[in-house]
Amino acid sequence: MKLILASSSPYRRELLERLKIPFEAIAPHVDETPRPGEAPTQMVERLAVEKARVIAARIPGSLVIGSDQVAVYNNSMVGKPRDHDEAMRQLRVASGKTVTLYCGLALVNAATARVQSEVIPYRVTFRELTEAQIESYLHKERPYSCTGSVKSEGLGIALLEKFDGDDPNALIGLPLIRLIRMLENEGVDVI
């Protein structure tokens, strides 16, 4: 069965490559706008499933992985920053606080229409940050394609104080521990 990652994210692609199984990455092109009144957990699960279903409909007989992520600061959803100013605002708000990231994960079997989905939370505590530290970080890392304006696998680690969660890969956007279980449920053994 052909394995497909329904994503254009280079970070998700790098994570999936760690499993040493062949796959193809295809951008799903779905509208990621939150629905009115939609909770963060509902949104990321819906989008993960939708991304996987879009690609599964185009490629019969495939197994398709979908994923989506959002950060929640002060009860507000935060996605990828549109620009430098928004990244500054996101990091100012996160300074000294614990932020929860929700990562929606889905695996769709195009042959059977079976859908497995789950939301994996991950908490990150930020250090107290000065304006100068935030500005320096953004100029050096340029994490504008990252949820919450932080790239923890790079220089963003200097902004952080503590991690708390079951799967550190969820922080980057593809919870591999849960994905391995889902793949096994479809008869795909990673090791």
C-alpha atoms as a PDB file:
ATOM      1  CA  MET A   1       0.000   0.000   0.000  1.00  0.00           C
ATOM      2  CA  LYS A   2       1.364   3.413  -0.950  1.00  0.00           C
ATOM      3  CA  LEU A   3       1.972   5.711   2.036  1.00  0.00           C
ATOM      4  CA  ILE A   4       1.338   9.412   1.516  1.00  0.00           C
ATOM      5  CA  LEU A   5       1.907  12.376   3.788  1.00  0.00           C
ATOM      6  CA  ALA A   6      -0.790  14.966   3.066  1.00  0.00           C
ATOM      7  CA  SER A   7       1.405  17.958   3.790  1.00  0.00           C
ATOM      8  CA  SER A   8       3.732  20.500   2.243  1.00  0.00           C
ATOM      9  CA  SER A   9       5.576  20.957   5.556  1.00  0.00           C
ATOM     10  CA  PRO A  10       9.297  20.211   5.352  1.00  0.00           C
ATOM     11  CA  TYR A  11       9.263  19.651   9.132  1.00  0.00           C
ATOM     12  CA  ARG A  12       6.639  16.894   8.919  1.00  0.00           C
ATOM     13  CA  ARG A  13       8.488  15.339   5.993  1.00  0.00           C
ATOM     14  CA  GLU A  14      11.730  15.260   8.016  1.00  0.00           C
ATOM     15  CA  LEU A  15       9.943  13.638  10.957  1.00  0.00           C
ATOM     16  CA  LEU A  16       8.340  10.927   8.817  1.00  0.00           C
ATOM     17  CA  GLU A  17      11.702  10.183   7.159  1.00  0.00           C
ATOM     18  CA  ARG A  18      12.951   9.086  10.600  1.00  0.00           C
ATOM     19  CA  LEU A  19      10.747   5.987  10.341  1.00  0.00           C
ATOM     20  CA  LYS A  20      12.717   4.753   7.301  1.00  0.00           C
ATOM     21  CA  ILE A  21       9.604   3.753   5.355  1.00  0.00           C
ATOM     22  CA  PRO A  22       8.948   4.902   1.791  1.00  0.00           C
ATOM     23  CA  PHE A  23       6.351   7.630   1.364  1.00  0.00           C
ATOM     24  CA  GLU A  24       5.376  10.492  -0.889  1.00  0.00           C
ATOM     25  CA  ALA A  25       4.400  13.981   0.296  1.00  0.00           C
ATOM     26  CA  ILE A  26       1.535  15.757  -1.456  1.00  0.00           C
ATOM     27  CA  ALA A  27       0.103  19.133  -0.462  1.00  0.00           C
ATOM     28  CA  PRO A  28      -3.631  18.749   0.230  1.00  0.00           C
ATOM     29  CA  HIS A  29      -4.652  22.413  -0.319  1.00  0.00           C
ATOM     30  CA  VAL A  30      -7.529  22.655   2.169  1.00  0.00           C
ATOM     31  CA  ASP A  31      -9.040  25.764   3.725  1.00  0.00           C
ATOM     32  CA  GLU A  32      -7.640  25.904   7.259  1.00  0.00           C
ATOM     33  CA  THR A  33      -9.980  28.623   8.521  1.00  0.00           C
ATOM     34  CA  PRO A  34     -11.455  27.789  11.939  1.00  0.00           C
ATOM     35  CA  ARG A  35     -15.226  27.396  12.002  1.00  0.00           C
ATOM     36  CA  PRO A  36     -17.223  29.707  14.279  1.00  0.00           C
ATOM     37  CA  GLY A  37     -17.206  28.358  17.829  1.00  0.00           C
ATOM     38  CA  GLU A  38     -14.859  25.502  16.944  1.00  0.00           C
ATOM     39  CA  ALA A  39     -12.586  24.416  19.795  1.00  0.00           C
ATOM     40  CA  PRO A  40      -8.861  24.081  19.027  1.00  0.00           C
ATOM     41  CA  THR A  41      -8.958  20.304  19.493  1.00  0.00           C
ATOM     42  CA  GLN A  42     -11.953  19.959  17.162  1.00  0.00           C
ATOM     43  CA  MET A  43     -10.304  22.134  14.530  1.00  0.00           C
ATOM     44  CA  VAL A  44      -6.980  20.275  14.379  1.00  0.00           C
ATOM     45  CA  GLU A  45      -8.670  16.879  14.276  1.00  0.00           C
ATOM     46  CA  ARG A  46     -11.094  18.022  11.565  1.00  0.00           C
ATOM     47  CA  LEU A  47      -8.286  19.489   9.461  1.00  0.00           C
ATOM     48  CA  ALA A  48      -6.028  16.440   9.872  1.00  0.00           C
ATOM     49  CA  VAL A  49      -8.842  14.161   8.690  1.00  0.00           C
ATOM     50  CA  GLU A  50      -9.843  16.519   5.885  1.00  0.00           C
ATOM     51  CA  LYS A  51      -6.274  16.784   4.576  1.00  0.00           C
ATOM     52  CA  ALA A  52      -5.901  12.996   4.554  1.00  0.00           C
ATOM     53  CA  ARG A  53      -9.314  12.434   2.919  1.00  0.00           C
ATOM     54  CA  VAL A  54      -8.604  14.928   0.124  1.00  0.00           C
ATOM     55  CA  ILE A  55      -5.499  13.005  -0.925  1.00  0.00           C
ATOM     56  CA  ALA A  56      -7.066   9.558  -0.294  1.00  0.00           C
ATOM     57  CA  ALA A  57      -9.896  10.459  -2.691  1.00  0.00           C
ATOM     58  CA  ARG A  58      -7.322  11.172  -5.418  1.00  0.00           C
ATOM     59  CA  ILE A  59      -5.131   8.089  -4.847  1.00  0.00           C
ATOM     60  CA  PRO A  60      -7.103   4.838  -4.399  1.00  0.00           C
ATOM     61  CA  GLY A  61      -5.450   2.099  -2.378  1.00  0.00           C
ATOM     62  CA  SER A  62      -3.257   4.489  -0.424  1.00  0.00           C
ATOM     63  CA  LEU A  63      -2.715   5.116   3.267  1.00  0.00           C
ATOM     64  CA  VAL A  64      -2.744   8.857   3.861  1.00  0.00           C
ATOM     65  CA  ILE A  65      -1.415  10.724   6.876  1.00  0.00           C
ATOM     66  CA  GLY A  66      -2.930  14.100   7.738  1.00  0.00           C
ATOM     67  CA  SER A  67      -1.787  16.421  10.496  1.00  0.00           C
ATOM     68  CA  ASP A  68      -2.565  19.900  11.741  1.00  0.00           C
ATOM     69  CA  GLN A  69      -1.367  21.948  14.684  1.00  0.00           C
ATOM     70  CA  VAL A  70      -2.436  24.971  16.678  1.00  0.00           C
ATOM     71  CA  ALA A  71      -1.073  26.656  19.777  1.00  0.00           C
ATOM     72  CA  VAL A  72      -3.342  28.008  22.494  1.00  0.00           C
ATOM     73  CA  TYR A  73      -2.189  31.079  24.423  1.00  0.00           C
ATOM     74  CA  ASN A  74      -4.525  32.686  26.974  1.00  0.00           C
ATOM     75  CA  ASN A  75      -7.487  30.704  25.594  1.00  0.00           C
ATOM     76  CA  SER A  76      -6.856  32.005  22.054  1.00  0.00           C
ATOM     77  CA  MET A  77      -5.771  29.936  19.066  1.00  0.00           C
ATOM     78  CA  VAL A  78      -2.452  30.933  17.525  1.00  0.00           C
ATOM     79  CA  GLY A  79      -1.216  29.630  14.204  1.00  0.00           C
ATOM     80  CA  LYS A  80       1.690  30.570  11.960  1.00  0.00           C
ATOM     81  CA  PRO A  81       2.504  34.283  12.008  1.00  0.00           C
ATOM     82  CA  ARG A  82       1.682  36.294   8.883  1.00  0.00           C
ATOM     83  CA  ASP A  83       4.706  38.533   9.322  1.00  0.00           C
ATOM     84  CA  HIS A  84       7.427  39.764  11.676  1.00  0.00           C
ATOM     85  CA  ASP A  85       5.077  42.008  13.682  1.00  0.00           C
ATOM     86  CA  GLU A  86       2.666  39.159  14.354  1.00  0.00           C
ATOM     87  CA  ALA A  87       5.569  36.903  15.375  1.00  0.00           C
ATOM     88  CA  MET A  88       6.693  39.602  17.843  1.00  0.00           C
ATOM     89  CA  ARG A  89       3.157  39.771  19.305  1.00  0.00           C
ATOM     90  CA  GLN A  90       2.927  35.979  19.603  1.00  0.00           C
ATOM     91  CA  LEU A  91       6.213  35.702  21.465  1.00  0.00           C
ATOM     92  CA  ARG A  92       5.435  38.660  23.757  1.00  0.00           C
ATOM     93  CA  VAL A  93       2.194  36.954  24.810  1.00  0.00           C
ATOM     94  CA  ALA A  94       3.945  33.583  25.314  1.00  0.00           C
ATOM     95  CA  SER A  95       6.782  35.044  27.399  1.00  0.00           C
ATOM     96  CA  GLY A  96       6.829  33.467  30.856  1.00  0.00           C
ATOM     97  CA  LYS A  97       3.752  31.345  30.170  1.00  0.00           C
ATOM     98  CA  THR A  98       2.897  27.742  29.466  1.00  0.00           C
ATOM     99  CA  VAL A  99       1.424  27.253  26.015  1.00  0.00           C
ATOM    100  CA  THR A 100      -0.473  24.174  24.881  1.00  0.00           C
ATOM    101  CA  LEU A 101      -0.007  22.917  21.349  1.00  0.00           C
ATOM    102  CA  TYR A 102      -2.624  20.578  19.946  1.00  0.00           C
ATOM    103  CA  CYS A 103      -1.586  18.321  17.106  1.00  0.00           C
ATOM    104  CA  GLY A 104      -4.318  16.584  15.145  1.00  0.00           C
ATOM    105  CA  LEU A 105      -3.252  13.323  13.513  1.00  0.00           C
ATOM    106  CA  ALA A 106      -5.220  11.198  11.054  1.00  0.00           C
ATOM    107  CA  LEU A 107      -4.569   8.096   9.005  1.00  0.00           C
ATOM    108  CA  VAL A 108      -7.025   7.329   6.213  1.00  0.00           C
ATOM    109  CA  ASN A 109      -7.080   4.004   4.379  1.00  0.00           C
ATOM    110  CA  ALA A 110      -8.338   4.904   0.890  1.00  0.00           C
ATOM    111  CA  ALA A 111      -9.213   1.264   0.112  1.00  0.00           C
ATOM    112  CA  THR A 112     -11.439   0.687   3.157  1.00  0.00           C
ATOM    113  CA  ALA A 113     -12.364   4.311   4.061  1.00  0.00           C
ATOM    114  CA  ARG A 114     -11.211   3.564   7.622  1.00  0.00           C
ATOM    115  CA  VAL A 115     -10.229   6.734   9.480  1.00  0.00           C
ATOM    116  CA  GLN A 116      -8.109   6.788  12.602  1.00  0.00           C
ATOM    117  CA  SER A 117      -7.708  10.158  14.263  1.00  0.00           C
ATOM    118  CA  GLU A 118      -6.497  11.603  17.512  1.00  0.00           C
ATOM    119  CA  VAL A 119      -5.465  14.907  19.083  1.00  0.00           C
ATOM    120  CA  ILE A 120      -2.166  14.937  20.929  1.00  0.00           C
ATOM    121  CA  PRO A 121      -1.493  17.818  23.350  1.00  0.00           C
ATOM    122  CA  TYR A 122       1.959  19.086  24.190  1.00  0.00           C
ATOM    123  CA  ARG A 123       2.804  21.836  26.672  1.00  0.00           C
ATOM    124  CA  VAL A 124       5.721  24.228  26.399  1.00  0.00           C
ATOM    125  CA  THR A 125       6.795  26.730  29.050  1.00  0.00           C
ATOM    126  CA  PHE A 126       8.529  29.858  27.760  1.00  0.00           C
ATOM    127  CA  ARG A 127      11.213  31.745  29.639  1.00  0.00           C
ATOM    128  CA  GLU A 128      10.591  35.395  30.501  1.00  0.00           C
ATOM    129  CA  LEU A 129      11.725  37.085  27.295  1.00  0.00           C
ATOM    130  CA  THR A 130      12.905  40.624  26.683  1.00  0.00           C
ATOM    131  CA  GLU A 131      12.041  42.582  23.548  1.00  0.00           C
ATOM    132  CA  ALA A 132      15.695  42.365  22.517  1.00  0.00           C
ATOM    133  CA  GLN A 133      15.724  38.558  22.886  1.00  0.00           C
ATOM    134  CA  ILE A 134      12.544  38.189  20.837  1.00  0.00           C
ATOM    135  CA  GLU A 135      13.839  40.514  18.115  1.00  0.00           C
ATOM    136  CA  SER A 136      17.233  38.777  18.007  1.00  0.00           C
ATOM    137  CA  TYR A 137      15.604  35.347  17.806  1.00  0.00           C
ATOM    138  CA  LEU A 138      13.272  36.335  14.978  1.00  0.00           C
ATOM    139  CA  HIS A 139      16.097  37.858  12.940  1.00  0.00           C
ATOM    140  CA  LYS A 140      18.343  34.820  13.414  1.00  0.00           C
ATOM    141  CA  GLU A 141      15.780  31.993  13.053  1.00  0.00           C
ATOM    142  CA  ARG A 142      12.984  33.532  10.939  1.00  0.00           C
ATOM    143  CA  PRO A 143      10.409  30.959  12.177  1.00  0.00           C
ATOM    144  CA  TYR A 144       7.517  32.433  10.215  1.00  0.00           C
ATOM    145  CA  SER A 145       6.385  29.024   8.947  1.00  0.00           C
ATOM    146  CA  CYS A 146       6.100  27.674  12.503  1.00  0.00           C
ATOM    147  CA  THR A 147       3.040  27.628  14.746  1.00  0.00           C
ATOM    148  CA  GLY A 148       3.483  30.188  17.518  1.00  0.00           C
ATOM    149  CA  SER A 149       6.654  31.651  15.938  1.00  0.00           C
ATOM    150  CA  VAL A 150       9.017  29.211  17.610  1.00  0.00           C
ATOM    151  CA  LYS A 151      11.140  26.479  16.063  1.00  0.00           C
ATOM    152  CA  SER A 152      12.086  24.332  19.046  1.00  0.00           C
ATOM    153  CA  GLU A 153      14.363  22.060  17.038  1.00  0.00           C
ATOM    154  CA  GLY A 154      16.510  25.101  16.240  1.00  0.00           C
ATOM    155  CA  LEU A 155      17.467  28.286  18.076  1.00  0.00           C
ATOM    156  CA  GLY A 156      13.932  28.463  19.505  1.00  0.00           C
ATOM    157  CA  ILE A 157      15.090  26.102  22.241  1.00  0.00           C
ATOM    158  CA  ALA A 158      16.760  29.165  23.833  1.00  0.00           C
ATOM    159  CA  LEU A 159      13.276  30.674  24.393  1.00  0.00           C
ATOM    160  CA  LEU A 160      11.975  27.685  26.285  1.00  0.00           C
ATOM    161  CA  GLU A 161      12.193  26.455  29.843  1.00  0.00           C
ATOM    162  CA  LYS A 162      10.197  23.228  30.011  1.00  0.00           C
ATOM    163  CA  PHE A 163       8.448  20.608  27.860  1.00  0.00           C
ATOM    164  CA  ASP A 164       5.576  18.378  28.959  1.00  0.00           C
ATOM    165  CA  GLY A 165       3.896  15.754  26.796  1.00  0.00           C
ATOM    166  CA  ASP A 166       3.804  12.163  25.633  1.00  0.00           C
ATOM    167  CA  ASP A 167       5.405  12.609  22.208  1.00  0.00           C
ATOM    168  CA  PRO A 168       8.036  15.313  21.605  1.00  0.00           C
ATOM    169  CA  ASN A 169       7.415  15.004  17.853  1.00  0.00           C
ATOM    170  CA  ALA A 170       3.957  16.507  18.405  1.00  0.00           C
ATOM    171  CA  LEU A 171       5.735  19.762  19.172  1.00  0.00           C
ATOM    172  CA  ILE A 172       7.121  19.836  15.630  1.00  0.00           C
ATOM    173  CA  GLY A 173       3.851  18.751  14.035  1.00  0.00           C
ATOM    174  CA  LEU A 174       3.742  14.966  13.513  1.00  0.00           C
ATOM    175  CA  PRO A 175       3.307  12.710  16.579  1.00  0.00           C
ATOM    176  CA  LEU A 176       5.303   9.660  15.484  1.00  0.00           C
ATOM    177  CA  ILE A 177       4.527   7.496  18.519  1.00  0.00           C
ATOM    178  CA  ARG A 178       0.788   7.608  17.806  1.00  0.00           C
ATOM    179  CA  LEU A 179       1.352   7.380  14.045  1.00  0.00           C
ATOM    180  CA  ILE A 180       3.320   4.127  14.452  1.00  0.00           C
ATOM    181  CA  ARG A 181       0.367   2.603  16.321  1.00  0.00           C
ATOM    182  CA  MET A 182      -2.049   3.748  13.613  1.00  0.00           C
ATOM    183  CA  LEU A 183       0.164   2.297  10.876  1.00  0.00           C
ATOM    184  CA  GLU A 184       0.374  -1.010  12.767  1.00  0.00           C
ATOM    185  CA  ASN A 185      -3.449  -1.063  12.907  1.00  0.00           C
ATOM    186  CA  GLU A 186      -3.328  -1.019   9.091  1.00  0.00           C
ATOM    187  CA  GLY A 187      -0.740  -3.808   8.896  1.00  0.00           C
ATOM    188  CA  VAL A 188       2.307  -1.590   8.354  1.00  0.00           C
ATOM    189  CA  ASP A 189       5.203  -2.592  10.605  1.00  0.00           C
ATOM    190  CA  VAL A 190       7.799   0.136  11.037  1.00  0.00           C
ATOM    191  CA  ILE A 191      10.421  -2.171  12.593  1.00  0.00           C
END
